[in-house]
Amino acid sequence: MRHPIFSAVLLAGLAAGGFAIAPPASAAHVSVGVGVNFGPPAPVYEPVPPPRPGWVWVNGYWRWNGHRYVWRSGYWVHARPGYRYYPGRWVQEGPVWRFHVGYWGR
């Protein structure tokens, strides 16, 4: 049986954004996105910085802001031991281009 105060605190924390609920590491990759009728420009060349222990470099990519493509520069993310980062990519599906976000997989 749950304690009513615990439930109230949990709901308040979720509503305020104070708690983060993450799917388990083995969860399937799910992506929700928007389709664009024309592909992104060629990638922008950015030099890859030297490796940093415990970090993974994510290359820059074009993102769609609702009106046009905007370059998102590369950035570092914490490494996840036992996982590999699969970068996001644009894929043409018929006449529409869709962005598949990057994800961690085994």
N, C-alpha and C. Protein backbone atom coordinates (compact mmCIF):
# COMPACT_ATOMS: atom_id res chain seq x y z
N MET A 1 0.84 -1.17 0.00
CA MET A 1 0.00 0.00 0.00
C MET A 1 0.89 1.24 0.00
N ARG A 2 0.60 2.18 -0.88
CA ARG A 2 1.39 3.40 -0.96
C ARG A 2 0.91 4.40 0.07
N HIS A 3 1.86 5.12 0.55
CA HIS A 3 1.56 6.18 1.51
C HIS A 3 1.09 7.41 0.74
N PRO A 4 -0.04 8.05 1.14
CA PRO A 4 -0.56 9.19 0.38
C PRO A 4 0.41 10.36 0.27
N ILE A 5 1.23 10.58 1.28
CA ILE A 5 2.19 11.69 1.21
C ILE A 5 3.25 11.39 0.16
N PHE A 6 3.73 10.14 0.11
CA PHE A 6 4.71 9.75 -0.90
C PHE A 6 4.16 9.98 -2.29
N SER A 7 2.92 9.56 -2.53
CA SER A 7 2.31 9.75 -3.85
C SER A 7 2.20 11.22 -4.20
N ALA A 8 1.81 12.04 -3.23
CA ALA A 8 1.67 13.48 -3.49
C ALA A 8 3.02 14.10 -3.81
N VAL A 9 4.07 13.72 -3.07
CA VAL A 9 5.40 14.26 -3.32
C VAL A 9 5.91 13.81 -4.68
N LEU A 10 5.69 12.56 -5.03
CA LEU A 10 6.13 12.05 -6.32
C LEU A 10 5.42 12.79 -7.45
N LEU A 11 4.13 12.95 -7.36
CA LEU A 11 3.38 13.66 -8.40
C LEU A 11 3.82 15.11 -8.50
N ALA A 12 4.03 15.76 -7.37
CA ALA A 12 4.48 17.16 -7.39
C ALA A 12 5.87 17.26 -8.02
N GLY A 13 6.75 16.34 -7.70
CA GLY A 13 8.09 16.35 -8.28
C GLY A 13 8.07 16.13 -9.78
N LEU A 14 7.23 15.21 -10.23
CA LEU A 14 7.12 14.98 -11.66
C LEU A 14 6.54 16.19 -12.37
N ALA A 15 5.55 16.81 -11.78
CA ALA A 15 4.94 17.99 -12.39
C ALA A 15 5.93 19.15 -12.47
N ALA A 16 6.78 19.27 -11.47
CA ALA A 16 7.75 20.37 -11.45
C ALA A 16 9.00 20.04 -12.26
N GLY A 17 9.14 18.82 -12.72
CA GLY A 17 10.32 18.43 -13.47
C GLY A 17 11.50 18.11 -12.59
N GLY A 18 11.28 17.89 -11.31
CA GLY A 18 12.36 17.62 -10.38
C GLY A 18 12.86 16.19 -10.41
N PHE A 19 12.11 15.31 -11.00
CA PHE A 19 12.51 13.92 -11.10
C PHE A 19 12.65 13.58 -12.57
N ALA A 20 13.58 12.72 -12.89
CA ALA A 20 13.73 12.27 -14.27
C ALA A 20 13.48 10.78 -14.31
N ILE A 21 12.65 10.36 -15.20
CA ILE A 21 12.40 8.94 -15.37
C ILE A 21 13.00 8.54 -16.70
N ALA A 22 13.98 7.67 -16.65
CA ALA A 22 14.66 7.24 -17.88
C ALA A 22 14.32 5.79 -18.15
N PRO A 23 14.19 5.43 -19.42
CA PRO A 23 13.93 4.04 -19.73
C PRO A 23 15.17 3.20 -19.41
N PRO A 24 14.99 1.91 -19.16
CA PRO A 24 16.14 1.07 -18.89
C PRO A 24 17.08 1.05 -20.09
N ALA A 25 18.34 0.76 -19.84
CA ALA A 25 19.34 0.78 -20.90
C ALA A 25 18.99 -0.16 -22.05
N SER A 26 18.23 -1.20 -21.79
CA SER A 26 17.91 -2.17 -22.83
C SER A 26 16.63 -1.81 -23.58
N ALA A 27 16.05 -0.63 -23.30
CA ALA A 27 14.80 -0.25 -23.95
C ALA A 27 15.01 -0.06 -25.44
N ALA A 28 13.97 -0.32 -26.21
CA ALA A 28 14.03 -0.15 -27.65
C ALA A 28 14.14 1.33 -27.98
N HIS A 29 14.78 1.62 -29.10
CA HIS A 29 14.93 3.00 -29.55
C HIS A 29 13.65 3.43 -30.24
N VAL A 30 13.07 4.53 -29.78
CA VAL A 30 11.85 5.07 -30.36
C VAL A 30 12.13 6.51 -30.74
N SER A 31 11.69 6.91 -31.93
CA SER A 31 11.94 8.26 -32.39
C SER A 31 10.66 8.89 -32.89
N VAL A 32 10.43 10.11 -32.49
CA VAL A 32 9.30 10.88 -32.99
C VAL A 32 9.89 12.09 -33.68
N GLY A 33 9.49 12.35 -34.89
CA GLY A 33 10.09 13.47 -35.59
C GLY A 33 9.16 14.04 -36.62
N VAL A 34 9.74 14.86 -37.44
CA VAL A 34 8.99 15.54 -38.48
C VAL A 34 9.62 15.22 -39.82
N GLY A 35 8.81 15.18 -40.85
CA GLY A 35 9.31 14.94 -42.19
C GLY A 35 9.54 16.26 -42.91
N VAL A 36 10.58 16.31 -43.71
CA VAL A 36 10.92 17.50 -44.50
C VAL A 36 10.95 17.07 -45.96
N ASN A 37 10.44 17.90 -46.84
CA ASN A 37 10.34 17.53 -48.25
C ASN A 37 11.63 17.68 -49.04
N PHE A 38 12.70 18.16 -48.42
CA PHE A 38 13.98 18.23 -49.10
C PHE A 38 15.08 17.94 -48.09
N GLY A 39 16.15 17.35 -48.58
CA GLY A 39 17.23 16.90 -47.71
C GLY A 39 18.06 18.03 -47.13
N PRO A 40 18.85 17.69 -46.11
CA PRO A 40 19.71 18.70 -45.47
C PRO A 40 20.89 19.05 -46.37
N PRO A 41 21.52 20.20 -46.12
CA PRO A 41 22.75 20.56 -46.84
C PRO A 41 23.87 19.57 -46.48
N ALA A 42 24.96 19.69 -47.18
CA ALA A 42 26.14 18.86 -46.87
C ALA A 42 26.60 19.18 -45.45
N PRO A 43 27.14 18.17 -44.74
CA PRO A 43 27.62 18.42 -43.37
C PRO A 43 28.70 19.51 -43.36
N VAL A 44 28.76 20.23 -42.27
CA VAL A 44 29.79 21.25 -42.06
C VAL A 44 31.02 20.54 -41.49
N TYR A 45 32.19 20.85 -42.03
CA TYR A 45 33.40 20.22 -41.50
C TYR A 45 33.76 20.86 -40.17
N GLU A 46 33.89 20.04 -39.15
CA GLU A 46 34.37 20.46 -37.84
C GLU A 46 35.47 19.51 -37.42
N PRO A 47 36.63 20.02 -37.05
CA PRO A 47 37.68 19.10 -36.59
C PRO A 47 37.23 18.38 -35.32
N VAL A 48 37.51 17.09 -35.27
CA VAL A 48 37.17 16.29 -34.09
C VAL A 48 38.24 16.53 -33.03
N PRO A 49 37.84 16.93 -31.83
CA PRO A 49 38.85 17.17 -30.79
C PRO A 49 39.53 15.86 -30.36
N PRO A 50 40.68 15.97 -29.71
CA PRO A 50 41.36 14.76 -29.22
C PRO A 50 40.44 14.00 -28.24
N PRO A 51 40.60 12.68 -28.16
CA PRO A 51 39.77 11.87 -27.26
C PRO A 51 39.88 12.33 -25.81
N ARG A 52 38.77 12.17 -25.09
CA ARG A 52 38.72 12.46 -23.65
C ARG A 52 38.24 11.20 -22.94
N PRO A 53 39.01 10.66 -22.01
CA PRO A 53 38.57 9.45 -21.30
C PRO A 53 37.22 9.66 -20.64
N GLY A 54 36.32 8.71 -20.84
CA GLY A 54 35.00 8.77 -20.21
C GLY A 54 33.99 9.59 -20.99
N TRP A 55 34.37 10.06 -22.18
CA TRP A 55 33.48 10.89 -22.99
C TRP A 55 33.44 10.38 -24.42
N VAL A 56 32.36 10.68 -25.12
CA VAL A 56 32.19 10.33 -26.53
C VAL A 56 31.85 11.61 -27.28
N TRP A 57 32.53 11.85 -28.40
CA TRP A 57 32.25 13.02 -29.22
C TRP A 57 31.10 12.70 -30.17
N VAL A 58 30.09 13.56 -30.19
CA VAL A 58 28.97 13.44 -31.11
C VAL A 58 29.18 14.50 -32.19
N ASN A 59 29.31 14.06 -33.44
CA ASN A 59 29.52 15.00 -34.53
C ASN A 59 28.33 15.93 -34.70
N GLY A 60 28.59 17.09 -35.26
CA GLY A 60 27.53 18.04 -35.54
C GLY A 60 26.58 17.49 -36.60
N TYR A 61 25.40 18.08 -36.69
CA TYR A 61 24.41 17.63 -37.66
C TYR A 61 23.43 18.77 -37.96
N TRP A 62 22.73 18.64 -39.05
CA TRP A 62 21.69 19.60 -39.40
C TRP A 62 20.41 19.21 -38.69
N ARG A 63 19.76 20.18 -38.03
CA ARG A 63 18.46 19.93 -37.43
C ARG A 63 17.45 20.83 -38.11
N TRP A 64 16.21 20.43 -38.08
CA TRP A 64 15.13 21.20 -38.68
C TRP A 64 14.45 22.01 -37.59
N ASN A 65 14.34 23.33 -37.75
CA ASN A 65 13.74 24.17 -36.71
C ASN A 65 12.28 24.52 -37.01
N GLY A 66 11.70 23.86 -37.99
CA GLY A 66 10.32 24.13 -38.36
C GLY A 66 10.21 24.99 -39.61
N HIS A 67 11.34 25.65 -39.96
CA HIS A 67 11.35 26.53 -41.13
C HIS A 67 12.54 26.26 -42.05
N ARG A 68 13.64 25.86 -41.44
CA ARG A 68 14.86 25.64 -42.22
C ARG A 68 15.81 24.76 -41.43
N TYR A 69 16.85 24.28 -42.13
CA TYR A 69 17.89 23.50 -41.48
C TYR A 69 18.83 24.45 -40.73
N VAL A 70 19.23 24.05 -39.52
CA VAL A 70 20.16 24.83 -38.70
C VAL A 70 21.25 23.88 -38.23
N TRP A 71 22.50 24.30 -38.34
CA TRP A 71 23.62 23.44 -37.93
C TRP A 71 23.72 23.37 -36.42
N ARG A 72 23.82 22.15 -35.90
CA ARG A 72 24.05 21.90 -34.47
C ARG A 72 25.48 21.41 -34.36
N SER A 73 26.34 22.19 -33.74
CA SER A 73 27.76 21.84 -33.63
C SER A 73 27.95 20.58 -32.79
N GLY A 74 29.08 19.90 -33.01
CA GLY A 74 29.40 18.70 -32.25
C GLY A 74 29.54 19.00 -30.76
N TYR A 75 29.42 17.94 -29.96
CA TYR A 75 29.47 18.11 -28.50
C TYR A 75 29.88 16.78 -27.85
N TRP A 76 30.30 16.88 -26.58
CA TRP A 76 30.70 15.72 -25.79
C TRP A 76 29.52 15.19 -24.98
N VAL A 77 29.43 13.85 -24.86
CA VAL A 77 28.47 13.21 -23.96
C VAL A 77 29.23 12.20 -23.11
N HIS A 78 28.74 11.96 -21.90
CA HIS A 78 29.37 10.96 -21.03
C HIS A 78 29.25 9.58 -21.67
N ALA A 79 30.35 8.84 -21.64
CA ALA A 79 30.35 7.48 -22.16
C ALA A 79 29.49 6.59 -21.27
N ARG A 80 28.91 5.55 -21.86
CA ARG A 80 28.15 4.57 -21.10
C ARG A 80 28.87 3.23 -21.25
N PRO A 81 29.53 2.77 -20.20
CA PRO A 81 30.29 1.51 -20.31
C PRO A 81 29.41 0.37 -20.85
N GLY A 82 29.96 -0.35 -21.81
CA GLY A 82 29.25 -1.48 -22.41
C GLY A 82 28.32 -1.08 -23.54
N TYR A 83 28.25 0.20 -23.86
CA TYR A 83 27.37 0.69 -24.93
C TYR A 83 28.17 1.45 -25.98
N ARG A 84 27.58 1.53 -27.15
CA ARG A 84 28.15 2.30 -28.25
C ARG A 84 27.13 3.37 -28.63
N TYR A 85 27.62 4.57 -28.95
CA TYR A 85 26.71 5.63 -29.37
C TYR A 85 26.53 5.56 -30.88
N TYR A 86 25.28 5.49 -31.33
CA TYR A 86 24.94 5.50 -32.74
C TYR A 86 24.43 6.90 -33.06
N PRO A 87 25.16 7.66 -33.87
CA PRO A 87 24.78 9.05 -34.11
C PRO A 87 23.48 9.20 -34.89
N GLY A 88 22.84 10.34 -34.71
CA GLY A 88 21.63 10.65 -35.46
C GLY A 88 21.95 10.80 -36.94
N ARG A 89 20.94 10.63 -37.77
CA ARG A 89 21.17 10.74 -39.21
C ARG A 89 19.86 11.05 -39.93
N TRP A 90 19.97 11.72 -41.04
CA TRP A 90 18.83 11.97 -41.91
C TRP A 90 18.67 10.81 -42.86
N VAL A 91 17.44 10.35 -43.05
CA VAL A 91 17.14 9.24 -43.95
C VAL A 91 16.00 9.65 -44.87
N GLN A 92 16.18 9.40 -46.16
CA GLN A 92 15.10 9.69 -47.10
C GLN A 92 14.15 8.51 -47.14
N GLU A 93 12.88 8.77 -46.86
CA GLU A 93 11.84 7.75 -46.88
C GLU A 93 10.81 8.17 -47.91
N GLY A 94 10.97 7.68 -49.15
CA GLY A 94 10.12 8.14 -50.24
C GLY A 94 10.48 9.59 -50.54
N PRO A 95 9.49 10.47 -50.64
CA PRO A 95 9.78 11.87 -50.94
C PRO A 95 10.12 12.70 -49.70
N VAL A 96 10.11 12.09 -48.52
CA VAL A 96 10.28 12.82 -47.26
C VAL A 96 11.61 12.44 -46.60
N TRP A 97 12.26 13.43 -46.01
CA TRP A 97 13.47 13.22 -45.22
C TRP A 97 13.10 13.23 -43.75
N ARG A 98 13.58 12.23 -42.98
CA ARG A 98 13.31 12.15 -41.55
C ARG A 98 14.63 12.03 -40.79
N PHE A 99 14.68 12.68 -39.64
CA PHE A 99 15.87 12.60 -38.80
C PHE A 99 15.65 11.51 -37.76
N HIS A 100 16.59 10.58 -37.69
CA HIS A 100 16.58 9.52 -36.68
C HIS A 100 17.61 9.95 -35.63
N VAL A 101 17.14 10.22 -34.42
CA VAL A 101 18.02 10.73 -33.36
C VAL A 101 19.07 9.70 -32.97
N GLY A 102 20.18 10.19 -32.43
CA GLY A 102 21.22 9.30 -31.95
C GLY A 102 20.76 8.55 -30.71
N TYR A 103 21.39 7.40 -30.47
CA TYR A 103 21.00 6.58 -29.32
C TYR A 103 22.15 5.68 -28.88
N TRP A 104 22.04 5.16 -27.68
CA TRP A 104 23.01 4.22 -27.13
C TRP A 104 22.52 2.80 -27.36
N GLY A 105 23.38 1.93 -27.87
CA GLY A 105 23.02 0.53 -28.08
C GLY A 105 24.19 -0.36 -27.74
N ARG A 106 23.92 -1.63 -27.65
CA ARG A 106 24.98 -2.60 -27.34
C ARG A 106 25.62 -3.09 -28.60
